[in-house]
Amino acid sequence: MNAALFPDLVVNGELVPHALIAAETQNQDAPKGKPGIAWRKAVNAVAIRTLLLQEARSRSVEAKPNEVGPGRFETDEEALIRGLLEEAIDVVPPTEEDIASEWKKDPTRFRTPPLWEVSHILCACDPRDEAASAKALARAKELLALVLGEPKSFAALAARESDCGSKTSGGTLGQLGPNDTVPEFEAALRHLAEGEISTEPVLTRHGYHIIRMDAVALGQVLPFEAVRGKISEAMEKAAWARQSHTFITQLVEASDIEGADLSMV
């Protein structure tokens, strides 16, 4: 392994095996053909985990794995880190005044789920197949140009060209709510106004979609009492995240780390 590109990671004198970093790279996003980026992200993640484990052991934190699913338990390392953070971080619940103030900033943020009436044309492909994906994208762009040039042709094009069973109804999918479709498709819906057609094909695990928003029903604004608990929970989570970031930053600043760049932590 090239030592210049993949230097040893040493945390407070502890040499971290390259195998641990290699295993962590599968959890890190990076552009295709840029393994060095995934490696550097993995190095930072492993360095922080090593720091936390060192601190947990120095404080004699006891590993007591919790059940995280039916028959599934935390590893000892996960339990140690959780125990450390529980000991080091003390979040004070927000007051009633704080919660009310957060709600008053913009009550319209808190609504019942929206409903979307949607139609689409699907150019199916496996996104992992580069050749098939490129072919589907080219086809989707051709269809999109036709639809944008003559919006009234949408149903006819869907009936003739779509690779989805909805083609029998002119591409109509009916009413959809949050979590009724794949995340990529839902993300596109949230940016479309009523009557609007996606200006670019939308890629999901199923292929490329041309989406038309037929109707939007925004959720009703909820009263304070209905959302008070969720606001309180969100504020506590945000406070916990801030405190944990501060705690980790302090550990990094007090440590001797070689082979990682934690300057942005």
C-alpha atoms as a PDB file:
ATOM      1  CA  MET A   1       0.000   0.000   0.000  1.00  0.00           C
ATOM      2  CA  ASN A   2       1.318   3.455  -0.937  1.00  0.00           C
ATOM      3  CA  ALA A   3       2.335   5.052   2.363  1.00  0.00           C
ATOM      4  CA  ALA A   4       2.090   8.562   0.900  1.00  0.00           C
ATOM      5  CA  LEU A   5      -1.518   8.079  -0.209  1.00  0.00           C
ATOM      6  CA  PHE A   6      -2.554   5.838   2.689  1.00  0.00           C
ATOM      7  CA  PRO A   7      -0.434   6.811   5.713  1.00  0.00           C
ATOM      8  CA  ASP A   8      -0.662   4.981   9.008  1.00  0.00           C
ATOM      9  CA  LEU A   9      -3.319   6.257  11.409  1.00  0.00           C
ATOM     10  CA  VAL A  10      -1.908   6.713  14.905  1.00  0.00           C
ATOM     11  CA  VAL A  11      -4.177   8.017  17.668  1.00  0.00           C
ATOM     12  CA  ASN A  12      -2.436   8.914  20.934  1.00  0.00           C
ATOM     13  CA  GLY A  13       0.258   6.345  20.178  1.00  0.00           C
ATOM     14  CA  GLU A  14      -2.190   3.617  19.144  1.00  0.00           C
ATOM     15  CA  LEU A  15      -1.595   2.308  15.621  1.00  0.00           C
ATOM     16  CA  VAL A  16      -4.940   1.636  13.941  1.00  0.00           C
ATOM     17  CA  PRO A  17      -4.910  -1.375  11.572  1.00  0.00           C
ATOM     18  CA  HIS A  18      -5.494  -0.519   7.921  1.00  0.00           C
ATOM     19  CA  ALA A  19      -8.088  -3.307   7.850  1.00  0.00           C
ATOM     20  CA  LEU A  20     -10.377  -1.283  10.116  1.00  0.00           C
ATOM     21  CA  ILE A  21     -10.160   1.711   7.793  1.00  0.00           C
ATOM     22  CA  ALA A  22     -10.711  -0.452   4.714  1.00  0.00           C
ATOM     23  CA  ALA A  23     -13.847  -1.898   6.289  1.00  0.00           C
ATOM     24  CA  GLU A  24     -15.152   1.597   7.074  1.00  0.00           C
ATOM     25  CA  THR A  25     -14.727   2.830   3.487  1.00  0.00           C
ATOM     26  CA  GLN A  26     -17.854   0.922   2.425  1.00  0.00           C
ATOM     27  CA  ASN A  27     -19.869   3.288   4.643  1.00  0.00           C
ATOM     28  CA  GLN A  28     -18.472   6.430   3.015  1.00  0.00           C
ATOM     29  CA  ASP A  29     -19.765   8.165  -0.104  1.00  0.00           C
ATOM     30  CA  ALA A  30     -17.274   9.162  -2.797  1.00  0.00           C
ATOM     31  CA  PRO A  31     -17.326   9.860  -6.547  1.00  0.00           C
ATOM     32  CA  LYS A  32     -16.782   6.824  -8.749  1.00  0.00           C
ATOM     33  CA  GLY A  33     -13.104   6.262  -9.410  1.00  0.00           C
ATOM     34  CA  LYS A  34     -12.065   8.359  -6.373  1.00  0.00           C
ATOM     35  CA  PRO A  35     -11.241   5.727  -3.733  1.00  0.00           C
ATOM     36  CA  GLY A  36      -8.889   8.142  -1.994  1.00  0.00           C
ATOM     37  CA  ILE A  37     -11.833  10.343  -0.929  1.00  0.00           C
ATOM     38  CA  ALA A  38     -13.677   7.401   0.626  1.00  0.00           C
ATOM     39  CA  TRP A  39     -10.456   6.360   2.356  1.00  0.00           C
ATOM     40  CA  ARG A  40      -9.868   9.819   3.862  1.00  0.00           C
ATOM     41  CA  LYS A  41     -13.453   9.980   5.116  1.00  0.00           C
ATOM     42  CA  ALA A  42     -13.041   6.510   6.610  1.00  0.00           C
ATOM     43  CA  VAL A  43      -9.781   7.529   8.285  1.00  0.00           C
ATOM     44  CA  ASN A  44     -11.504  10.447   9.993  1.00  0.00           C
ATOM     45  CA  ALA A  45     -14.448   8.307  11.096  1.00  0.00           C
ATOM     46  CA  VAL A  46     -12.165   5.609  12.500  1.00  0.00           C
ATOM     47  CA  ALA A  47      -9.951   8.208  14.197  1.00  0.00           C
ATOM     48  CA  ILE A  48     -12.950   9.692  16.023  1.00  0.00           C
ATOM     49  CA  ARG A  49     -14.248   6.250  16.974  1.00  0.00           C
ATOM     50  CA  THR A  50     -10.803   5.339  18.312  1.00  0.00           C
ATOM     51  CA  LEU A  51     -10.661   8.560  20.337  1.00  0.00           C
ATOM     52  CA  LEU A  52     -14.077   7.863  21.848  1.00  0.00           C
ATOM     53  CA  LEU A  53     -13.137   4.297  22.733  1.00  0.00           C
ATOM     54  CA  GLN A  54      -9.895   5.470  24.333  1.00  0.00           C
ATOM     55  CA  GLU A  55     -11.787   8.033  26.392  1.00  0.00           C
ATOM     56  CA  ALA A  56     -14.433   5.487  27.398  1.00  0.00           C
ATOM     57  CA  ARG A  57     -11.781   3.069  28.624  1.00  0.00           C
ATOM     58  CA  SER A  58      -9.875   5.811  30.460  1.00  0.00           C
ATOM     59  CA  ARG A  59     -13.107   6.612  32.333  1.00  0.00           C
ATOM     60  CA  SER A  60     -13.752   2.903  32.987  1.00  0.00           C
ATOM     61  CA  VAL A  61     -17.080   3.044  31.188  1.00  0.00           C
ATOM     62  CA  GLU A  62     -18.756  -0.353  31.329  1.00  0.00           C
ATOM     63  CA  ALA A  63     -20.021  -1.889  28.086  1.00  0.00           C
ATOM     64  CA  LYS A  64     -23.679  -2.846  28.489  1.00  0.00           C
ATOM     65  CA  PRO A  65     -25.022  -3.604  25.006  1.00  0.00           C
ATOM     66  CA  ASN A  66     -28.632  -2.597  24.391  1.00  0.00           C
ATOM     67  CA  GLU A  67     -31.011  -4.532  22.192  1.00  0.00           C
ATOM     68  CA  VAL A  68     -31.433  -2.516  18.980  1.00  0.00           C
ATOM     69  CA  GLY A  69     -33.828  -4.898  17.256  1.00  0.00           C
ATOM     70  CA  PRO A  70     -35.378  -8.327  17.697  1.00  0.00           C
ATOM     71  CA  GLY A  71     -32.459 -10.510  18.707  1.00  0.00           C
ATOM     72  CA  ARG A  72     -29.905  -7.836  17.686  1.00  0.00           C
ATOM     73  CA  PHE A  73     -27.651  -6.149  20.207  1.00  0.00           C
ATOM     74  CA  GLU A  74     -25.044  -3.399  20.126  1.00  0.00           C
ATOM     75  CA  THR A  75     -21.424  -4.452  19.872  1.00  0.00           C
ATOM     76  CA  ASP A  76     -19.270  -3.841  22.941  1.00  0.00           C
ATOM     77  CA  GLU A  77     -17.630  -0.894  21.158  1.00  0.00           C
ATOM     78  CA  GLU A  78     -21.003   0.662  20.303  1.00  0.00           C
ATOM     79  CA  ALA A  79     -22.108   0.210  23.911  1.00  0.00           C
ATOM     80  CA  LEU A  80     -18.896   1.810  25.189  1.00  0.00           C
ATOM     81  CA  ILE A  81     -19.307   4.867  22.975  1.00  0.00           C
ATOM     82  CA  ARG A  82     -22.972   5.240  23.889  1.00  0.00           C
ATOM     83  CA  GLY A  83     -22.101   4.897  27.579  1.00  0.00           C
ATOM     84  CA  LEU A  84     -19.379   7.521  27.261  1.00  0.00           C
ATOM     85  CA  LEU A  85     -21.665  10.022  25.555  1.00  0.00           C
ATOM     86  CA  GLU A  86     -24.414   9.394  28.110  1.00  0.00           C
ATOM     87  CA  GLU A  87     -21.889  10.175  30.846  1.00  0.00           C
ATOM     88  CA  ALA A  88     -20.288  13.177  29.148  1.00  0.00           C
ATOM     89  CA  ILE A  89     -23.381  14.897  27.749  1.00  0.00           C
ATOM     90  CA  ASP A  90     -26.159  16.309  29.889  1.00  0.00           C
ATOM     91  CA  VAL A  91     -28.949  17.886  27.881  1.00  0.00           C
ATOM     92  CA  VAL A  92     -31.380  20.045  29.806  1.00  0.00           C
ATOM     93  CA  PRO A  93     -34.943  19.710  28.424  1.00  0.00           C
ATOM     94  CA  PRO A  94     -36.252  22.931  26.868  1.00  0.00           C
ATOM     95  CA  THR A  95     -38.626  25.031  28.930  1.00  0.00           C
ATOM     96  CA  GLU A  96     -42.244  25.617  27.941  1.00  0.00           C
ATOM     97  CA  GLU A  97     -41.249  29.151  26.951  1.00  0.00           C
ATOM     98  CA  ASP A  98     -38.467  27.840  24.705  1.00  0.00           C
ATOM     99  CA  ILE A  99     -40.802  25.382  23.000  1.00  0.00           C
ATOM    100  CA  ALA A 100     -43.496  27.992  22.449  1.00  0.00           C
ATOM    101  CA  SER A 101     -40.922  30.433  21.099  1.00  0.00           C
ATOM    102  CA  GLU A 102     -39.662  27.855  18.600  1.00  0.00           C
ATOM    103  CA  TRP A 103     -43.222  27.172  17.420  1.00  0.00           C
ATOM    104  CA  LYS A 104     -44.002  30.893  17.032  1.00  0.00           C
ATOM    105  CA  LYS A 105     -41.034  31.377  14.678  1.00  0.00           C
ATOM    106  CA  ASP A 106     -43.131  29.784  11.924  1.00  0.00           C
ATOM    107  CA  PRO A 107     -46.209  27.738  12.857  1.00  0.00           C
ATOM    108  CA  THR A 108     -46.712  26.810   9.190  1.00  0.00           C
ATOM    109  CA  ARG A 109     -43.741  24.417   9.463  1.00  0.00           C
ATOM    110  CA  PHE A 110     -45.951  22.043  11.414  1.00  0.00           C
ATOM    111  CA  ARG A 111     -48.600  20.526   9.179  1.00  0.00           C
ATOM    112  CA  THR A 112     -50.443  17.326   8.518  1.00  0.00           C
ATOM    113  CA  PRO A 113     -48.819  15.331   5.674  1.00  0.00           C
ATOM    114  CA  PRO A 114     -49.334  16.701   2.137  1.00  0.00           C
ATOM    115  CA  LEU A 115     -51.076  14.786  -0.639  1.00  0.00           C
ATOM    116  CA  TRP A 116     -49.922  14.808  -4.239  1.00  0.00           C
ATOM    117  CA  GLU A 117     -51.807  13.695  -7.347  1.00  0.00           C
ATOM    118  CA  VAL A 118     -49.110  12.627  -9.779  1.00  0.00           C
ATOM    119  CA  SER A 119     -48.621  11.266 -13.273  1.00  0.00           C
ATOM    120  CA  HIS A 120     -45.344  10.034 -14.743  1.00  0.00           C
ATOM    121  CA  ILE A 121     -43.617   8.444 -17.694  1.00  0.00           C
ATOM    122  CA  LEU A 122     -40.970   5.891 -16.766  1.00  0.00           C
ATOM    123  CA  CYS A 123     -37.947   4.993 -18.865  1.00  0.00           C
ATOM    124  CA  ALA A 124     -36.882   1.924 -16.921  1.00  0.00           C
ATOM    125  CA  CYS A 125     -33.266   0.910 -16.377  1.00  0.00           C
ATOM    126  CA  ASP A 126     -30.887  -0.386 -13.758  1.00  0.00           C
ATOM    127  CA  PRO A 127     -28.897   2.731 -12.720  1.00  0.00           C
ATOM    128  CA  ARG A 128     -25.912   0.463 -11.996  1.00  0.00           C
ATOM    129  CA  ASP A 129     -25.739  -0.480 -15.688  1.00  0.00           C
ATOM    130  CA  GLU A 130     -24.010   2.503 -17.305  1.00  0.00           C
ATOM    131  CA  ALA A 131     -24.936   1.616 -20.883  1.00  0.00           C
ATOM    132  CA  ALA A 132     -28.592   0.939 -20.082  1.00  0.00           C
ATOM    133  CA  SER A 133     -28.775   4.042 -17.900  1.00  0.00           C
ATOM    134  CA  ALA A 134     -27.356   6.272 -20.629  1.00  0.00           C
ATOM    135  CA  LYS A 135     -29.812   4.852 -23.158  1.00  0.00           C
ATOM    136  CA  ALA A 136     -32.763   5.384 -20.794  1.00  0.00           C
ATOM    137  CA  LEU A 137     -31.667   8.940 -20.033  1.00  0.00           C
ATOM    138  CA  ALA A 138     -31.415   9.819 -23.723  1.00  0.00           C
ATOM    139  CA  ARG A 139     -34.897   8.399 -24.304  1.00  0.00           C
ATOM    140  CA  ALA A 140     -36.298  10.250 -21.286  1.00  0.00           C
ATOM    141  CA  LYS A 141     -34.862  13.539 -22.519  1.00  0.00           C
ATOM    142  CA  GLU A 142     -36.469  13.030 -25.926  1.00  0.00           C
ATOM    143  CA  LEU A 143     -39.855  12.335 -24.337  1.00  0.00           C
ATOM    144  CA  LEU A 144     -39.471  15.273 -21.962  1.00  0.00           C
ATOM    145  CA  ALA A 145     -38.815  17.615 -24.875  1.00  0.00           C
ATOM    146  CA  LEU A 146     -42.011  16.383 -26.543  1.00  0.00           C
ATOM    147  CA  VAL A 147     -44.030  16.814 -23.336  1.00  0.00           C
ATOM    148  CA  LEU A 148     -42.712  20.299 -22.623  1.00  0.00           C
ATOM    149  CA  GLY A 149     -43.404  21.299 -26.201  1.00  0.00           C
ATOM    150  CA  GLU A 150     -46.956  19.934 -26.077  1.00  0.00           C
ATOM    151  CA  PRO A 151     -48.072  19.374 -22.441  1.00  0.00           C
ATOM    152  CA  LYS A 152     -51.457  18.008 -23.549  1.00  0.00           C
ATOM    153  CA  SER A 153     -49.634  15.040 -25.104  1.00  0.00           C
ATOM    154  CA  PHE A 154     -48.509  13.743 -21.691  1.00  0.00           C
ATOM    155  CA  ALA A 155     -51.212  11.078 -21.261  1.00  0.00           C
ATOM    156  CA  ALA A 156     -50.865   9.810 -24.819  1.00  0.00           C
ATOM    157  CA  LEU A 157     -47.074   9.594 -24.549  1.00  0.00           C
ATOM    158  CA  ALA A 158     -47.344   7.824 -21.214  1.00  0.00           C
ATOM    159  CA  ALA A 159     -49.782   5.307 -22.674  1.00  0.00           C
ATOM    160  CA  ARG A 160     -47.449   4.628 -25.580  1.00  0.00           C
ATOM    161  CA  GLU A 161     -43.973   4.976 -24.065  1.00  0.00           C
ATOM    162  CA  SER A 162     -43.984   4.462 -20.282  1.00  0.00           C
ATOM    163  CA  ASP A 163     -42.427   1.312 -18.814  1.00  0.00           C
ATOM    164  CA  CYS A 164     -44.753   1.493 -15.794  1.00  0.00           C
ATOM    165  CA  GLY A 165     -48.084  -0.283 -15.420  1.00  0.00           C
ATOM    166  CA  SER A 166     -49.654   3.148 -14.936  1.00  0.00           C
ATOM    167  CA  LYS A 167     -49.413   3.592 -18.715  1.00  0.00           C
ATOM    168  CA  THR A 168     -52.883   2.045 -18.968  1.00  0.00           C
ATOM    169  CA  SER A 169     -54.242   5.121 -17.184  1.00  0.00           C
ATOM    170  CA  GLY A 170     -52.131   7.681 -19.039  1.00  0.00           C
ATOM    171  CA  GLY A 171     -49.371   7.598 -16.421  1.00  0.00           C
ATOM    172  CA  THR A 172     -51.613   8.534 -13.504  1.00  0.00           C
ATOM    173  CA  LEU A 173     -50.389   7.263 -10.127  1.00  0.00           C
ATOM    174  CA  GLY A 174     -53.273   8.705  -8.124  1.00  0.00           C
ATOM    175  CA  GLN A 175     -52.793  10.253  -4.695  1.00  0.00           C
ATOM    176  CA  LEU A 176     -49.437   9.852  -2.971  1.00  0.00           C
ATOM    177  CA  GLY A 177     -48.350  10.891   0.481  1.00  0.00           C
ATOM    178  CA  PRO A 178     -44.989  10.870   2.286  1.00  0.00           C
ATOM    179  CA  ASN A 179     -43.268   7.449   2.177  1.00  0.00           C
ATOM    180  CA  ASP A 180     -45.654   6.138  -0.495  1.00  0.00           C
ATOM    181  CA  THR A 181     -42.885   6.095  -3.084  1.00  0.00           C
ATOM    182  CA  VAL A 182     -39.091   5.883  -3.209  1.00  0.00           C
ATOM    183  CA  PRO A 183     -37.164   8.776  -1.590  1.00  0.00           C
ATOM    184  CA  GLU A 184     -35.756  10.130  -4.860  1.00  0.00           C
ATOM    185  CA  PHE A 185     -39.220  10.379  -6.403  1.00  0.00           C
ATOM    186  CA  GLU A 186     -40.707  11.982  -3.280  1.00  0.00           C
ATOM    187  CA  ALA A 187     -37.889  14.552  -3.149  1.00  0.00           C
ATOM    188  CA  ALA A 188     -38.814  15.642  -6.683  1.00  0.00           C
ATOM    189  CA  LEU A 189     -42.500  15.907  -5.750  1.00  0.00           C
ATOM    190  CA  ARG A 190     -41.689  18.339  -2.962  1.00  0.00           C
ATOM    191  CA  HIS A 191     -40.263  20.788  -5.507  1.00  0.00           C
ATOM    192  CA  LEU A 192     -43.087  20.681  -8.050  1.00  0.00           C
ATOM    193  CA  ALA A 193     -45.992  23.118  -8.106  1.00  0.00           C
ATOM    194  CA  GLU A 194     -49.473  22.134  -9.225  1.00  0.00           C
ATOM    195  CA  GLY A 195     -49.569  21.681 -13.004  1.00  0.00           C
ATOM    196  CA  GLU A 196     -45.762  21.657 -13.277  1.00  0.00           C
ATOM    197  CA  ILE A 197     -43.716  19.059 -15.175  1.00  0.00           C
ATOM    198  CA  SER A 198     -40.192  18.151 -14.044  1.00  0.00           C
ATOM    199  CA  THR A 199     -37.705  20.094 -16.160  1.00  0.00           C
ATOM    200  CA  GLU A 200     -35.195  17.223 -16.053  1.00  0.00           C
ATOM    201  CA  PRO A 201     -35.687  13.439 -15.920  1.00  0.00           C
ATOM    202  CA  VAL A 202     -35.696  12.249 -12.302  1.00  0.00           C
ATOM    203  CA  LEU A 203     -33.490   9.236 -11.567  1.00  0.00           C
ATOM    204  CA  THR A 204     -34.621   6.606  -9.073  1.00  0.00           C
ATOM    205  CA  ARG A 205     -33.716   2.957  -8.574  1.00  0.00           C
ATOM    206  CA  HIS A 206     -36.383   2.159 -11.197  1.00  0.00           C
ATOM    207  CA  GLY A 207     -35.010   4.377 -13.951  1.00  0.00           C
ATOM    208  CA  TYR A 208     -35.722   7.882 -15.271  1.00  0.00           C
ATOM    209  CA  HIS A 209     -39.100   9.527 -14.660  1.00  0.00           C
ATOM    210  CA  ILE A 210     -40.836  12.469 -16.271  1.00  0.00           C
ATOM    211  CA  ILE A 211     -43.167  13.700 -13.536  1.00  0.00           C
ATOM    212  CA  ARG A 212     -46.263  15.862 -13.770  1.00  0.00           C
ATOM    213  CA  MET A 213     -47.835  17.298 -10.625  1.00  0.00           C
ATOM    214  CA  ASP A 214     -51.574  17.145 -11.250  1.00  0.00           C
ATOM    215  CA  ALA A 215     -52.703  18.522  -7.876  1.00  0.00           C
ATOM    216  CA  VAL A 216     -51.236  19.410  -4.484  1.00  0.00           C
ATOM    217  CA  ALA A 217     -53.026  19.453  -1.151  1.00  0.00           C
ATOM    218  CA  LEU A 218     -50.772  21.021   1.464  1.00  0.00           C
ATOM    219  CA  GLY A 219     -51.259  19.696   4.961  1.00  0.00           C
ATOM    220  CA  GLN A 220     -53.237  21.700   7.495  1.00  0.00           C
ATOM    221  CA  VAL A 221     -51.300  23.780  10.014  1.00  0.00           C
ATOM    222  CA  LEU A 222     -51.361  21.998  13.365  1.00  0.00           C
ATOM    223  CA  PRO A 223     -52.104  23.738  16.686  1.00  0.00           C
ATOM    224  CA  PHE A 224     -49.311  24.171  19.219  1.00  0.00           C
ATOM    225  CA  GLU A 225     -50.569  21.455  21.582  1.00  0.00           C
ATOM    226  CA  ALA A 226     -50.527  18.898  18.769  1.00  0.00           C
ATOM    227  CA  VAL A 227     -46.833  19.490  17.993  1.00  0.00           C
ATOM    228  CA  ARG A 228     -45.443  20.523  21.358  1.00  0.00           C
ATOM    229  CA  GLY A 229     -43.937  17.070  22.024  1.00  0.00           C
ATOM    230  CA  LYS A 230     -42.278  16.844  18.611  1.00  0.00           C
ATOM    231  CA  ILE A 231     -40.794  20.326  18.965  1.00  0.00           C
ATOM    232  CA  SER A 232     -39.428  19.488  22.410  1.00  0.00           C
ATOM    233  CA  GLU A 233     -37.898  16.253  21.120  1.00  0.00           C
ATOM    234  CA  ALA A 234     -36.331  18.007  18.131  1.00  0.00           C
ATOM    235  CA  MET A 235     -34.845  20.716  20.363  1.00  0.00           C
ATOM    236  CA  GLU A 236     -33.354  18.117  22.711  1.00  0.00           C
ATOM    237  CA  LYS A 237     -31.840  16.225  19.765  1.00  0.00           C
ATOM    238  CA  ALA A 238     -30.338  19.448  18.402  1.00  0.00           C
ATOM    239  CA  ALA A 239     -28.881  20.299  21.829  1.00  0.00           C
ATOM    240  CA  TRP A 240     -27.453  16.776  22.117  1.00  0.00           C
ATOM    241  CA  ALA A 241     -25.846  17.081  18.669  1.00  0.00           C
ATOM    242  CA  ARG A 242     -24.252  20.426  19.596  1.00  0.00           C
ATOM    243  CA  GLN A 243     -22.890  19.110  22.881  1.00  0.00           C
ATOM    244  CA  SER A 244     -21.551  15.902  21.315  1.00  0.00           C
ATOM    245  CA  HIS A 245     -19.809  17.940  18.606  1.00  0.00           C
ATOM    246  CA  THR A 246     -18.227  20.155  21.252  1.00  0.00           C
ATOM    247  CA  PHE A 247     -17.147  17.097  23.273  1.00  0.00           C
ATOM    248  CA  ILE A 248     -15.533  15.421  20.247  1.00  0.00           C
ATOM    249  CA  THR A 249     -13.823  18.669  19.226  1.00  0.00           C
ATOM    250  CA  GLN A 250     -12.314  18.956  22.694  1.00  0.00           C
ATOM    251  CA  LEU A 251     -11.057  15.365  22.509  1.00  0.00           C
ATOM    252  CA  VAL A 252      -9.465  16.025  19.119  1.00  0.00           C
ATOM    253  CA  GLU A 253      -7.766  19.208  20.330  1.00  0.00           C
ATOM    254  CA  ALA A 254      -6.325  17.399  23.352  1.00  0.00           C
ATOM    255  CA  SER A 255      -5.045  14.413  21.340  1.00  0.00           C
ATOM    256  CA  ASP A 256      -2.031  13.504  19.244  1.00  0.00           C
ATOM    257  CA  ILE A 257      -3.282  12.195  15.898  1.00  0.00           C
ATOM    258  CA  GLU A 258      -1.196  11.254  12.877  1.00  0.00           C
ATOM    259  CA  GLY A 259      -2.523  10.266   9.460  1.00  0.00           C
ATOM    260  CA  ALA A 260      -5.911  12.011   9.689  1.00  0.00           C
ATOM    261  CA  ASP A 261      -7.153  15.552   9.087  1.00  0.00           C
ATOM    262  CA  LEU A 262      -9.737  16.390  11.734  1.00  0.00           C
ATOM    263  CA  SER A 263      -9.374  20.152  11.369  1.00  0.00           C
ATOM    264  CA  MET A 264     -12.983  20.440  10.132  1.00  0.00           C
ATOM    265  CA  VAL A 265     -14.513  18.500  13.046  1.00  0.00           C
END
